[in-house]
Amino acid sequence: VAAIFWAGLVTQVMFGGQFGDNPVSDVELVILFVAVGLGLPYF
């Protein structure tokens, strides 16, 4: 699950692509990445 958000961050924020059919904004994706991509495994 965390890897999905890592992939989204890399694809959309770092490489400027679009992640998914209905992508969230970069800011929202970074927030989701911190919460799920980092927070879930840490929890």
PDB file of all heavy atoms in Angstrom:
ATOM      1  N   VAL A   1       0.848  -1.200   0.000  1.00  0.00           N
ATOM      2  CA  VAL A   1       0.000   0.000   0.000  1.00  0.00           C
ATOM      3  C   VAL A   1       0.881   1.247   0.000  1.00  0.00           C
ATOM      4  O   VAL A   1       0.633   2.196  -0.753  1.00  0.00           O
ATOM      5  CB  VAL A   1      -0.970  -0.015   1.208  1.00  0.00           C
ATOM      6  CG1 VAL A   1      -1.677   1.324   1.364  1.00  0.00           C
ATOM      7  CG2 VAL A   1      -1.982  -1.140   1.069  1.00  0.00           C
ATOM      8  N   ALA A   2       1.907   1.245   0.837  1.00  0.00           N
ATOM      9  CA  ALA A   2       2.815   2.401   0.886  1.00  0.00           C
ATOM     10  C   ALA A   2       3.499   2.622  -0.462  1.00  0.00           C
ATOM     11  O   ALA A   2       3.678   3.769  -0.892  1.00  0.00           O
ATOM     12  CB  ALA A   2       3.862   2.200   1.984  1.00  0.00           C
ATOM     13  N   ALA A   3       3.864   1.537  -1.140  1.00  0.00           N
ATOM     14  CA  ALA A   3       4.551   1.641  -2.434  1.00  0.00           C
ATOM     15  C   ALA A   3       3.703   2.350  -3.485  1.00  0.00           C
ATOM     16  O   ALA A   3       4.243   3.039  -4.356  1.00  0.00           O
ATOM     17  CB  ALA A   3       4.958   0.254  -2.925  1.00  0.00           C
ATOM     18  N   ILE A   4       2.396   2.189  -3.407  1.00  0.00           N
ATOM     19  CA  ILE A   4       1.507   2.893  -4.345  1.00  0.00           C
ATOM     20  C   ILE A   4       1.706   4.395  -4.214  1.00  0.00           C
ATOM     21  O   ILE A   4       1.779   5.123  -5.209  1.00  0.00           O
ATOM     22  CB  ILE A   4       0.032   2.491  -4.106  1.00  0.00           C
ATOM     23  CG1 ILE A   4      -0.166   1.018  -4.457  1.00  0.00           C
ATOM     24  CG2 ILE A   4      -0.919   3.396  -4.881  1.00  0.00           C
ATOM     25  CD1 ILE A   4      -1.498   0.441  -4.008  1.00  0.00           C
ATOM     26  N   PHE A   5       1.809   4.873  -2.975  1.00  0.00           N
ATOM     27  CA  PHE A   5       1.971   6.310  -2.753  1.00  0.00           C
ATOM     28  C   PHE A   5       3.385   6.770  -3.087  1.00  0.00           C
ATOM     29  O   PHE A   5       3.582   7.907  -3.528  1.00  0.00           O
ATOM     30  CB  PHE A   5       1.561   6.663  -1.322  1.00  0.00           C
ATOM     31  CG  PHE A   5       0.075   6.534  -1.139  1.00  0.00           C
ATOM     32  CD1 PHE A   5      -0.486   5.319  -0.790  1.00  0.00           C
ATOM     33  CD2 PHE A   5      -0.758   7.607  -1.372  1.00  0.00           C
ATOM     34  CE1 PHE A   5      -1.862   5.186  -0.662  1.00  0.00           C
ATOM     35  CE2 PHE A   5      -2.133   7.488  -1.252  1.00  0.00           C
ATOM     36  CZ  PHE A   5      -2.678   6.268  -0.897  1.00  0.00           C
ATOM     37  N   TRP A   6       4.371   5.906  -2.900  1.00  0.00           N
ATOM     38  CA  TRP A   6       5.732   6.224  -3.336  1.00  0.00           C
ATOM     39  C   TRP A   6       5.743   6.367  -4.867  1.00  0.00           C
ATOM     40  O   TRP A   6       6.333   7.305  -5.397  1.00  0.00           O
ATOM     41  CB  TRP A   6       6.709   5.115  -2.916  1.00  0.00           C
ATOM     42  CG  TRP A   6       7.132   5.197  -1.487  1.00  0.00           C
ATOM     43  CD1 TRP A   6       6.453   4.735  -0.400  1.00  0.00           C
ATOM     44  CD2 TRP A   6       8.325   5.776  -0.989  1.00  0.00           C
ATOM     45  NE1 TRP A   6       7.159   4.987   0.742  1.00  0.00           N
ATOM     46  CE2 TRP A   6       8.324   5.626   0.409  1.00  0.00           C
ATOM     47  CE3 TRP A   6       9.407   6.403  -1.596  1.00  0.00           C
ATOM     48  CZ2 TRP A   6       9.346   6.082   1.214  1.00  0.00           C
ATOM     49  CZ3 TRP A   6      10.438   6.853  -0.786  1.00  0.00           C
ATOM     50  CH2 TRP A   6      10.406   6.699   0.599  1.00  0.00           C
ATOM     51  N   ALA A   7       5.080   5.442  -5.553  1.00  0.00           N
ATOM     52  CA  ALA A   7       5.027   5.495  -7.023  1.00  0.00           C
ATOM     53  C   ALA A   7       4.316   6.763  -7.483  1.00  0.00           C
ATOM     54  O   ALA A   7       4.744   7.409  -8.456  1.00  0.00           O
ATOM     55  CB  ALA A   7       4.323   4.260  -7.570  1.00  0.00           C
ATOM     56  N   GLY A   8       3.241   7.110  -6.793  1.00  0.00           N
ATOM     57  CA  GLY A   8       2.523   8.338  -7.144  1.00  0.00           C
ATOM     58  C   GLY A   8       3.376   9.568  -6.966  1.00  0.00           C
ATOM     59  O   GLY A   8       3.402  10.460  -7.827  1.00  0.00           O
ATOM     60  N   LEU A   9       4.114   9.624  -5.881  1.00  0.00           N
ATOM     61  CA  LEU A   9       4.988  10.768  -5.618  1.00  0.00           C
ATOM     62  C   LEU A   9       6.063  10.882  -6.689  1.00  0.00           C
ATOM     63  O   LEU A   9       6.290  11.963  -7.246  1.00  0.00           O
ATOM     64  CB  LEU A   9       5.634  10.623  -4.235  1.00  0.00           C
ATOM     65  CG  LEU A   9       6.526  11.795  -3.827  1.00  0.00           C
ATOM     66  CD1 LEU A   9       5.663  12.960  -3.346  1.00  0.00           C
ATOM     67  CD2 LEU A   9       7.497  11.373  -2.738  1.00  0.00           C
ATOM     68  N   VAL A  10       6.705   9.786  -7.004  1.00  0.00           N
ATOM     69  CA  VAL A  10       7.772   9.800  -8.007  1.00  0.00           C
ATOM     70  C   VAL A  10       7.207  10.181  -9.380  1.00  0.00           C
ATOM     71  O   VAL A  10       7.737  11.058 -10.071  1.00  0.00           O
ATOM     72  CB  VAL A  10       8.499   8.432  -8.064  1.00  0.00           C
ATOM     73  CG1 VAL A  10       9.414   8.340  -9.272  1.00  0.00           C
ATOM     74  CG2 VAL A  10       9.270   8.190  -6.767  1.00  0.00           C
ATOM     75  N   THR A  11       6.110   9.526  -9.774  1.00  0.00           N
ATOM     76  CA  THR A  11       5.529   9.766 -11.098  1.00  0.00           C
ATOM     77  C   THR A  11       5.047  11.198 -11.273  1.00  0.00           C
ATOM     78  O   THR A  11       5.373  11.857 -12.267  1.00  0.00           O
ATOM     79  CB  THR A  11       4.352   8.800 -11.343  1.00  0.00           C
ATOM     80  OG1 THR A  11       4.826   7.468 -11.231  1.00  0.00           O
ATOM     81  CG2 THR A  11       3.713   9.025 -12.694  1.00  0.00           C
ATOM     82  N   GLN A  12       4.259  11.667 -10.312  1.00  0.00           N
ATOM     83  CA  GLN A  12       3.584  12.955 -10.494  1.00  0.00           C
ATOM     84  C   GLN A  12       4.413  14.142 -10.005  1.00  0.00           C
ATOM     85  O   GLN A  12       4.538  15.139 -10.710  1.00  0.00           O
ATOM     86  CB  GLN A  12       2.229  12.927  -9.777  1.00  0.00           C
ATOM     87  CG  GLN A  12       1.399  14.183 -10.021  1.00  0.00           C
ATOM     88  CD  GLN A  12      -0.021  14.023  -9.534  1.00  0.00           C
ATOM     89  OE1 GLN A  12      -0.641  13.003  -9.813  1.00  0.00           O
ATOM     90  NE2 GLN A  12      -0.521  15.004  -8.811  1.00  0.00           N
ATOM     91  N   VAL A  13       4.972  14.048  -8.811  1.00  0.00           N
ATOM     92  CA  VAL A  13       5.655  15.213  -8.240  1.00  0.00           C
ATOM     93  C   VAL A  13       7.078  15.340  -8.767  1.00  0.00           C
ATOM     94  O   VAL A  13       7.524  16.428  -9.131  1.00  0.00           O
ATOM     95  CB  VAL A  13       5.635  15.150  -6.693  1.00  0.00           C
ATOM     96  CG1 VAL A  13       6.404  16.298  -6.073  1.00  0.00           C
ATOM     97  CG2 VAL A  13       4.194  15.132  -6.182  1.00  0.00           C
ATOM     98  N   MET A  14       7.805  14.228  -8.842  1.00  0.00           N
ATOM     99  CA  MET A  14       9.210  14.315  -9.243  1.00  0.00           C
ATOM    100  C   MET A  14       9.390  14.372 -10.758  1.00  0.00           C
ATOM    101  O   MET A  14      10.266  15.076 -11.261  1.00  0.00           O
ATOM    102  CB  MET A  14       9.996  13.149  -8.649  1.00  0.00           C
ATOM    103  CG  MET A  14       9.994  13.174  -7.119  1.00  0.00           C
ATOM    104  SD  MET A  14      10.804  11.770  -6.399  1.00  0.00           S
ATOM    105  CE  MET A  14      12.412  12.469  -6.120  1.00  0.00           C
ATOM    106  N   PHE A  15       8.558  13.599 -11.502  1.00  0.00           N
ATOM    107  CA  PHE A  15       8.717  13.569 -12.959  1.00  0.00           C
ATOM    108  C   PHE A  15       7.649  14.352 -13.708  1.00  0.00           C
ATOM    109  O   PHE A  15       7.667  14.401 -14.933  1.00  0.00           O
ATOM    110  CB  PHE A  15       8.740  12.118 -13.460  1.00  0.00           C
ATOM    111  CG  PHE A  15       9.974  11.360 -13.032  1.00  0.00           C
ATOM    112  CD1 PHE A  15       9.858  10.096 -12.493  1.00  0.00           C
ATOM    113  CD2 PHE A  15      11.234  11.907 -13.185  1.00  0.00           C
ATOM    114  CE1 PHE A  15      10.980   9.390 -12.094  1.00  0.00           C
ATOM    115  CE2 PHE A  15      12.371  11.209 -12.788  1.00  0.00           C
ATOM    116  CZ  PHE A  15      12.244   9.948 -12.234  1.00  0.00           C
ATOM    117  N   GLY A  16       6.695  14.934 -12.994  1.00  0.00           N
ATOM    118  CA  GLY A  16       5.695  15.786 -13.631  1.00  0.00           C
ATOM    119  C   GLY A  16       4.630  15.060 -14.420  1.00  0.00           C
ATOM    120  O   GLY A  16       3.874  15.687 -15.161  1.00  0.00           O
ATOM    121  N   GLY A  17       4.557  13.755 -14.285  1.00  0.00           N
ATOM    122  CA  GLY A  17       3.527  12.996 -14.985  1.00  0.00           C
ATOM    123  C   GLY A  17       2.196  13.065 -14.244  1.00  0.00           C
ATOM    124  O   GLY A  17       2.022  13.818 -13.290  1.00  0.00           O
ATOM    125  N   GLN A  18       1.267  12.263 -14.716  1.00  0.00           N
ATOM    126  CA  GLN A  18      -0.053  12.197 -14.096  1.00  0.00           C
ATOM    127  C   GLN A  18      -0.183  10.814 -13.471  1.00  0.00           C
ATOM    128  O   GLN A  18       0.059   9.810 -14.123  1.00  0.00           O
ATOM    129  CB  GLN A  18      -1.131  12.405 -15.164  1.00  0.00           C
ATOM    130  CG  GLN A  18      -2.534  12.296 -14.631  1.00  0.00           C
ATOM    131  CD  GLN A  18      -3.569  12.564 -15.729  1.00  0.00           C
ATOM    132  OE1 GLN A  18      -3.419  13.491 -16.512  1.00  0.00           O
ATOM    133  NE2 GLN A  18      -4.584  11.728 -15.762  1.00  0.00           N
ATOM    134  N   PHE A  19      -0.574  10.767 -12.186  1.00  0.00           N
ATOM    135  CA  PHE A  19      -0.721   9.494 -11.497  1.00  0.00           C
ATOM    136  C   PHE A  19      -2.201   9.186 -11.349  1.00  0.00           C
ATOM    137  O   PHE A  19      -2.906   9.798 -10.553  1.00  0.00           O
ATOM    138  CB  PHE A  19      -0.024   9.529 -10.131  1.00  0.00           C
ATOM    139  CG  PHE A  19       0.025   8.186  -9.458  1.00  0.00           C
ATOM    140  CD1 PHE A  19       0.828   7.167  -9.945  1.00  0.00           C
ATOM    141  CD2 PHE A  19      -0.750   7.925  -8.344  1.00  0.00           C
ATOM    142  CE1 PHE A  19       0.875   5.925  -9.338  1.00  0.00           C
ATOM    143  CE2 PHE A  19      -0.709   6.685  -7.723  1.00  0.00           C
ATOM    144  CZ  PHE A  19       0.102   5.685  -8.221  1.00  0.00           C
ATOM    145  N   GLY A  20      -2.682   8.242 -12.144  1.00  0.00           N
ATOM    146  CA  GLY A  20      -4.085   7.838 -12.096  1.00  0.00           C
ATOM    147  C   GLY A  20      -4.930   8.576 -13.096  1.00  0.00           C
ATOM    148  O   GLY A  20      -4.494   9.514 -13.763  1.00  0.00           O
ATOM    149  N   ASP A  21      -6.195   8.129 -13.218  1.00  0.00           N
ATOM    150  CA  ASP A  21      -7.134   8.725 -14.168  1.00  0.00           C
ATOM    151  C   ASP A  21      -7.683  10.069 -13.698  1.00  0.00           C
ATOM    152  O   ASP A  21      -8.081  10.903 -14.491  1.00  0.00           O
ATOM    153  CB  ASP A  21      -8.321   7.779 -14.408  1.00  0.00           C
ATOM    154  CG  ASP A  21      -7.895   6.505 -15.107  1.00  0.00           C
ATOM    155  OD1 ASP A  21      -6.852   6.526 -15.797  1.00  0.00           O
ATOM    156  OD2 ASP A  21      -8.592   5.490 -14.952  1.00  0.00           O
ATOM    157  N   ASN A  22      -7.750  10.234 -12.392  1.00  0.00           N
ATOM    158  CA  ASN A  22      -8.297  11.453 -11.814  1.00  0.00           C
ATOM    159  C   ASN A  22      -7.336  11.913 -10.713  1.00  0.00           C
ATOM    160  O   ASN A  22      -7.634  11.788  -9.537  1.00  0.00           O
ATOM    161  CB  ASN A  22      -9.701  11.177 -11.257  1.00  0.00           C
ATOM    162  CG  ASN A  22     -10.421  12.431 -10.848  1.00  0.00           C
ATOM    163  OD1 ASN A  22     -10.001  13.534 -11.164  1.00  0.00           O
ATOM    164  ND2 ASN A  22     -11.504  12.252 -10.109  1.00  0.00           N
ATOM    165  N   PRO A  23      -6.160  12.442 -11.095  1.00  0.00           N
ATOM    166  CA  PRO A  23      -5.106  12.713 -10.105  1.00  0.00           C
ATOM    167  C   PRO A  23      -5.470  13.848  -9.146  1.00  0.00           C
ATOM    168  O   PRO A  23      -6.166  14.789  -9.509  1.00  0.00           O
ATOM    169  CB  PRO A  23      -3.900  13.086 -10.962  1.00  0.00           C
ATOM    170  CG  PRO A  23      -4.462  13.573 -12.237  1.00  0.00           C
ATOM    171  CD  PRO A  23      -5.745  12.811 -12.444  1.00  0.00           C
ATOM    172  N   VAL A  24      -4.963  13.719  -7.926  1.00  0.00           N
ATOM    173  CA  VAL A  24      -5.090  14.794  -6.952  1.00  0.00           C
ATOM    174  C   VAL A  24      -3.974  15.793  -7.236  1.00  0.00           C
ATOM    175  O   VAL A  24      -3.061  15.527  -8.027  1.00  0.00           O
ATOM    176  CB  VAL A  24      -4.987  14.254  -5.503  1.00  0.00           C
ATOM    177  CG1 VAL A  24      -6.137  13.318  -5.194  1.00  0.00           C
ATOM    178  CG2 VAL A  24      -3.656  13.576  -5.243  1.00  0.00           C
ATOM    179  N   SER A  25      -4.022  16.948  -6.584  1.00  0.00           N
ATOM    180  CA  SER A  25      -2.965  17.948  -6.776  1.00  0.00           C
ATOM    181  C   SER A  25      -1.663  17.426  -6.173  1.00  0.00           C
ATOM    182  O   SER A  25      -1.661  16.486  -5.375  1.00  0.00           O
ATOM    183  CB  SER A  25      -3.363  19.269  -6.107  1.00  0.00           C
ATOM    184  OG  SER A  25      -3.286  19.134  -4.699  1.00  0.00           O
ATOM    185  N   ASP A  26      -0.566  18.042  -6.556  1.00  0.00           N
ATOM    186  CA  ASP A  26       0.743  17.649  -6.018  1.00  0.00           C
ATOM    187  C   ASP A  26       0.778  17.792  -4.500  1.00  0.00           C
ATOM    188  O   ASP A  26       1.326  16.942  -3.803  1.00  0.00           O
ATOM    189  CB  ASP A  26       1.863  18.477  -6.646  1.00  0.00           C
ATOM    190  CG  ASP A  26       2.139  18.087  -8.097  1.00  0.00           C
ATOM    191  OD1 ASP A  26       1.486  17.142  -8.595  1.00  0.00           O
ATOM    192  OD2 ASP A  26       3.014  18.723  -8.717  1.00  0.00           O
ATOM    193  N   VAL A  27       0.200  18.868  -3.979  1.00  0.00           N
ATOM    194  CA  VAL A  27       0.191  19.100  -2.529  1.00  0.00           C
ATOM    195  C   VAL A  27      -0.597  17.990  -1.832  1.00  0.00           C
ATOM    196  O   VAL A  27      -0.153  17.438  -0.818  1.00  0.00           O
ATOM    197  CB  VAL A  27      -0.398  20.493  -2.195  1.00  0.00           C
ATOM    198  CG1 VAL A  27      -0.613  20.657  -0.695  1.00  0.00           C
ATOM    199  CG2 VAL A  27       0.504  21.591  -2.732  1.00  0.00           C
ATOM    200  N   GLU A  28      -1.762  17.666  -2.373  1.00  0.00           N
ATOM    201  CA  GLU A  28      -2.564  16.585  -1.775  1.00  0.00           C
ATOM    202  C   GLU A  28      -1.817  15.251  -1.849  1.00  0.00           C
ATOM    203  O   GLU A  28      -1.861  14.460  -0.902  1.00  0.00           O
ATOM    204  CB  GLU A  28      -3.911  16.465  -2.490  1.00  0.00           C
ATOM    205  CG  GLU A  28      -4.838  17.637  -2.253  1.00  0.00           C
ATOM    206  CD  GLU A  28      -6.056  17.614  -3.163  1.00  0.00           C
ATOM    207  OE1 GLU A  28      -5.911  17.280  -4.357  1.00  0.00           O
ATOM    208  OE2 GLU A  28      -7.157  17.946  -2.666  1.00  0.00           O
ATOM    209  N   LEU A  29      -1.135  15.012  -2.934  1.00  0.00           N
ATOM    210  CA  LEU A  29      -0.388  13.763  -3.086  1.00  0.00           C
ATOM    211  C   LEU A  29       0.768  13.687  -2.087  1.00  0.00           C
ATOM    212  O   LEU A  29       1.024  12.631  -1.500  1.00  0.00           O
ATOM    213  CB  LEU A  29       0.132  13.599  -4.514  1.00  0.00           C
ATOM    214  CG  LEU A  29       0.798  12.259  -4.824  1.00  0.00           C
ATOM    215  CD1 LEU A  29      -0.135  11.094  -4.532  1.00  0.00           C
ATOM    216  CD2 LEU A  29       1.247  12.219  -6.279  1.00  0.00           C
ATOM    217  N   VAL A  30       1.443  14.797  -1.859  1.00  0.00           N
ATOM    218  CA  VAL A  30       2.521  14.820  -0.868  1.00  0.00           C
ATOM    219  C   VAL A  30       1.954  14.543   0.526  1.00  0.00           C
ATOM    220  O   VAL A  30       2.539  13.782   1.305  1.00  0.00           O
ATOM    221  CB  VAL A  30       3.302  16.156  -0.910  1.00  0.00           C
ATOM    222  CG1 VAL A  30       4.228  16.303   0.295  1.00  0.00           C
ATOM    223  CG2 VAL A  30       4.083  16.274  -2.202  1.00  0.00           C
ATOM    224  N   ILE A  31       0.809  15.127   0.845  1.00  0.00           N
ATOM    225  CA  ILE A  31       0.172  14.881   2.147  1.00  0.00           C
ATOM    226  C   ILE A  31      -0.210  13.404   2.275  1.00  0.00           C
ATOM    227  O   ILE A  31       0.047  12.772   3.305  1.00  0.00           O
ATOM    228  CB  ILE A  31      -1.063  15.800   2.336  1.00  0.00           C
ATOM    229  CG1 ILE A  31      -0.608  17.254   2.490  1.00  0.00           C
ATOM    230  CG2 ILE A  31      -1.905  15.355   3.538  1.00  0.00           C
ATOM    231  CD1 ILE A  31      -1.724  18.274   2.404  1.00  0.00           C
ATOM    232  N   LEU A  32      -0.800  12.834   1.227  1.00  0.00           N
ATOM    233  CA  LEU A  32      -1.151  11.406   1.244  1.00  0.00           C
ATOM    234  C   LEU A  32       0.096  10.528   1.347  1.00  0.00           C
ATOM    235  O   LEU A  32       0.102   9.519   2.043  1.00  0.00           O
ATOM    236  CB  LEU A  32      -1.958  11.039  -0.001  1.00  0.00           C
ATOM    237  CG  LEU A  32      -3.400  11.537  -0.030  1.00  0.00           C
ATOM    238  CD1 LEU A  32      -3.997  11.341  -1.426  1.00  0.00           C
ATOM    239  CD2 LEU A  32      -4.220  10.816   1.016  1.00  0.00           C
ATOM    240  N   PHE A  33       1.157  10.931   0.645  1.00  0.00           N
ATOM    241  CA  PHE A  33       2.411  10.189   0.708  1.00  0.00           C
ATOM    242  C   PHE A  33       2.962  10.164   2.128  1.00  0.00           C
ATOM    243  O   PHE A  33       3.375   9.119   2.631  1.00  0.00           O
ATOM    244  CB  PHE A  33       3.443  10.804  -0.241  1.00  0.00           C
ATOM    245  CG  PHE A  33       4.840  10.322   0.014  1.00  0.00           C
ATOM    246  CD1 PHE A  33       5.224   9.052  -0.378  1.00  0.00           C
ATOM    247  CD2 PHE A  33       5.753  11.122   0.683  1.00  0.00           C
ATOM    248  CE1 PHE A  33       6.516   8.591  -0.130  1.00  0.00           C
ATOM    249  CE2 PHE A  33       7.040  10.671   0.937  1.00  0.00           C
ATOM    250  CZ  PHE A  33       7.420   9.404   0.533  1.00  0.00           C
ATOM    251  N   VAL A  34       2.968  11.306   2.788  1.00  0.00           N
ATOM    252  CA  VAL A  34       3.481  11.367   4.164  1.00  0.00           C
ATOM    253  C   VAL A  34       2.600  10.517   5.085  1.00  0.00           C
ATOM    254  O   VAL A  34       3.115   9.740   5.895  1.00  0.00           O
ATOM    255  CB  VAL A  34       3.572  12.825   4.659  1.00  0.00           C
ATOM    256  CG1 VAL A  34       3.855  12.888   6.154  1.00  0.00           C
ATOM    257  CG2 VAL A  34       4.640  13.585   3.878  1.00  0.00           C
ATOM    258  N   ALA A  35       1.275  10.633   4.929  1.00  0.00           N
ATOM    259  CA  ALA A  35       0.361   9.892   5.801  1.00  0.00           C
ATOM    260  C   ALA A  35       0.407   8.383   5.557  1.00  0.00           C
ATOM    261  O   ALA A  35       0.502   7.599   6.498  1.00  0.00           O
ATOM    262  CB  ALA A  35      -1.065  10.408   5.620  1.00  0.00           C
ATOM    263  N   VAL A  36       0.352   7.973   4.299  1.00  0.00           N
ATOM    264  CA  VAL A  36       0.245   6.545   3.991  1.00  0.00           C
ATOM    265  C   VAL A  36       1.588   5.945   3.583  1.00  0.00           C
ATOM    266  O   VAL A  36       1.947   4.860   4.047  1.00  0.00           O
ATOM    267  CB  VAL A  36      -0.819   6.302   2.887  1.00  0.00           C
ATOM    268  CG1 VAL A  36      -0.947   4.820   2.594  1.00  0.00           C
ATOM    269  CG2 VAL A  36      -2.168   6.878   3.293  1.00  0.00           C
ATOM    270  N   GLY A  37       2.331   6.637   2.747  1.00  0.00           N
ATOM    271  CA  GLY A  37       3.605   6.098   2.260  1.00  0.00           C
ATOM    272  C   GLY A  37       4.667   6.018   3.343  1.00  0.00           C
ATOM    273  O   GLY A  37       5.511   5.122   3.325  1.00  0.00           O
ATOM    274  N   LEU A  38       4.643   6.958   4.274  1.00  0.00           N
ATOM    275  CA  LEU A  38       5.592   6.949   5.384  1.00  0.00           C
ATOM    276  C   LEU A  38       4.915   6.586   6.704  1.00  0.00           C
ATOM    277  O   LEU A  38       5.433   5.801   7.490  1.00  0.00           O
ATOM    278  CB  LEU A  38       6.274   8.318   5.522  1.00  0.00           C
ATOM    279  CG  LEU A  38       7.129   8.790   4.356  1.00  0.00           C
ATOM    280  CD1 LEU A  38       7.631  10.208   4.605  1.00  0.00           C
ATOM    281  CD2 LEU A  38       8.289   7.837   4.121  1.00  0.00           C
ATOM    282  N   GLY A  39       3.757   7.189   6.957  1.00  0.00           N
ATOM    283  CA  GLY A  39       3.075   7.028   8.244  1.00  0.00           C
ATOM    284  C   GLY A  39       2.572   5.625   8.526  1.00  0.00           C
ATOM    285  O   GLY A  39       2.734   5.117   9.641  1.00  0.00           O
ATOM    286  N   LEU A  40       1.989   4.988   7.536  1.00  0.00           N
ATOM    287  CA  LEU A  40       1.442   3.640   7.752  1.00  0.00           C
ATOM    288  C   LEU A  40       2.525   2.630   8.119  1.00  0.00           C
ATOM    289  O   LEU A  40       2.402   1.939   9.139  1.00  0.00           O
ATOM    290  CB  LEU A  40       0.646   3.176   6.531  1.00  0.00           C
ATOM    291  CG  LEU A  40      -0.039   1.818   6.654  1.00  0.00           C
ATOM    292  CD1 LEU A  40      -1.179   1.881   7.672  1.00  0.00           C
ATOM    293  CD2 LEU A  40      -0.574   1.382   5.294  1.00  0.00           C
ATOM    294  N   PRO A  41       3.617   2.532   7.360  1.00  0.00           N
ATOM    295  CA  PRO A  41       4.679   1.602   7.773  1.00  0.00           C
ATOM    296  C   PRO A  41       5.272   1.955   9.138  1.00  0.00           C
ATOM    297  O   PRO A  41       5.549   1.079   9.951  1.00  0.00           O
ATOM    298  CB  PRO A  41       5.734   1.718   6.677  1.00  0.00           C
ATOM    299  CG  PRO A  41       5.024   2.278   5.510  1.00  0.00           C
ATOM    300  CD  PRO A  41       3.919   3.127   6.056  1.00  0.00           C
ATOM    301  N   TYR A  42       5.463   3.233   9.406  1.00  0.00           N
ATOM    302  CA  TYR A  42       6.006   3.655  10.695  1.00  0.00           C
ATOM    303  C   TYR A  42       5.069   3.262  11.835  1.00  0.00           C
ATOM    304  O   TYR A  42       5.509   2.771  12.879  1.00  0.00           O
ATOM    305  CB  TYR A  42       6.253   5.163  10.693  1.00  0.00           C
ATOM    306  CG  TYR A  42       6.849   5.670  11.985  1.00  0.00           C
ATOM    307  CD1 TYR A  42       8.193   5.461  12.265  1.00  0.00           C
ATOM    308  CD2 TYR A  42       6.074   6.339  12.915  1.00  0.00           C
ATOM    309  CE1 TYR A  42       8.754   5.914  13.452  1.00  0.00           C
ATOM    310  CE2 TYR A  42       6.621   6.794  14.103  1.00  0.00           C
ATOM    311  CZ  TYR A  42       7.959   6.571  14.370  1.00  0.00           C
ATOM    312  OH  TYR A  42       8.501   7.020  15.546  1.00  0.00           O
ATOM    313  N   PHE A  43       3.776   3.468  11.633  1.00  0.00           N
ATOM    314  CA  PHE A  43       2.759   3.120  12.634  1.00  0.00           C
ATOM    315  C   PHE A  43       2.828   1.625  12.959  1.00  0.00           C
ATOM    316  O   PHE A  43       2.859   1.235  14.125  1.00  0.00           O
ATOM    317  CB  PHE A  43       1.371   3.501  12.103  1.00  0.00           C
ATOM    318  CG  PHE A  43       0.246   3.157  13.029  1.00  0.00           C
ATOM    319  CD1 PHE A  43       0.004   3.921  14.158  1.00  0.00           C
ATOM    320  CD2 PHE A  43      -0.588   2.092  12.746  1.00  0.00           C
ATOM    321  CE1 PHE A  43      -1.047   3.613  15.005  1.00  0.00           C
ATOM    322  CE2 PHE A  43      -1.639   1.776  13.591  1.00  0.00           C
ATOM    323  CZ  PHE A  43      -1.876   2.543  14.721  1.00  0.00           C
TER     324      PHE A  43
END
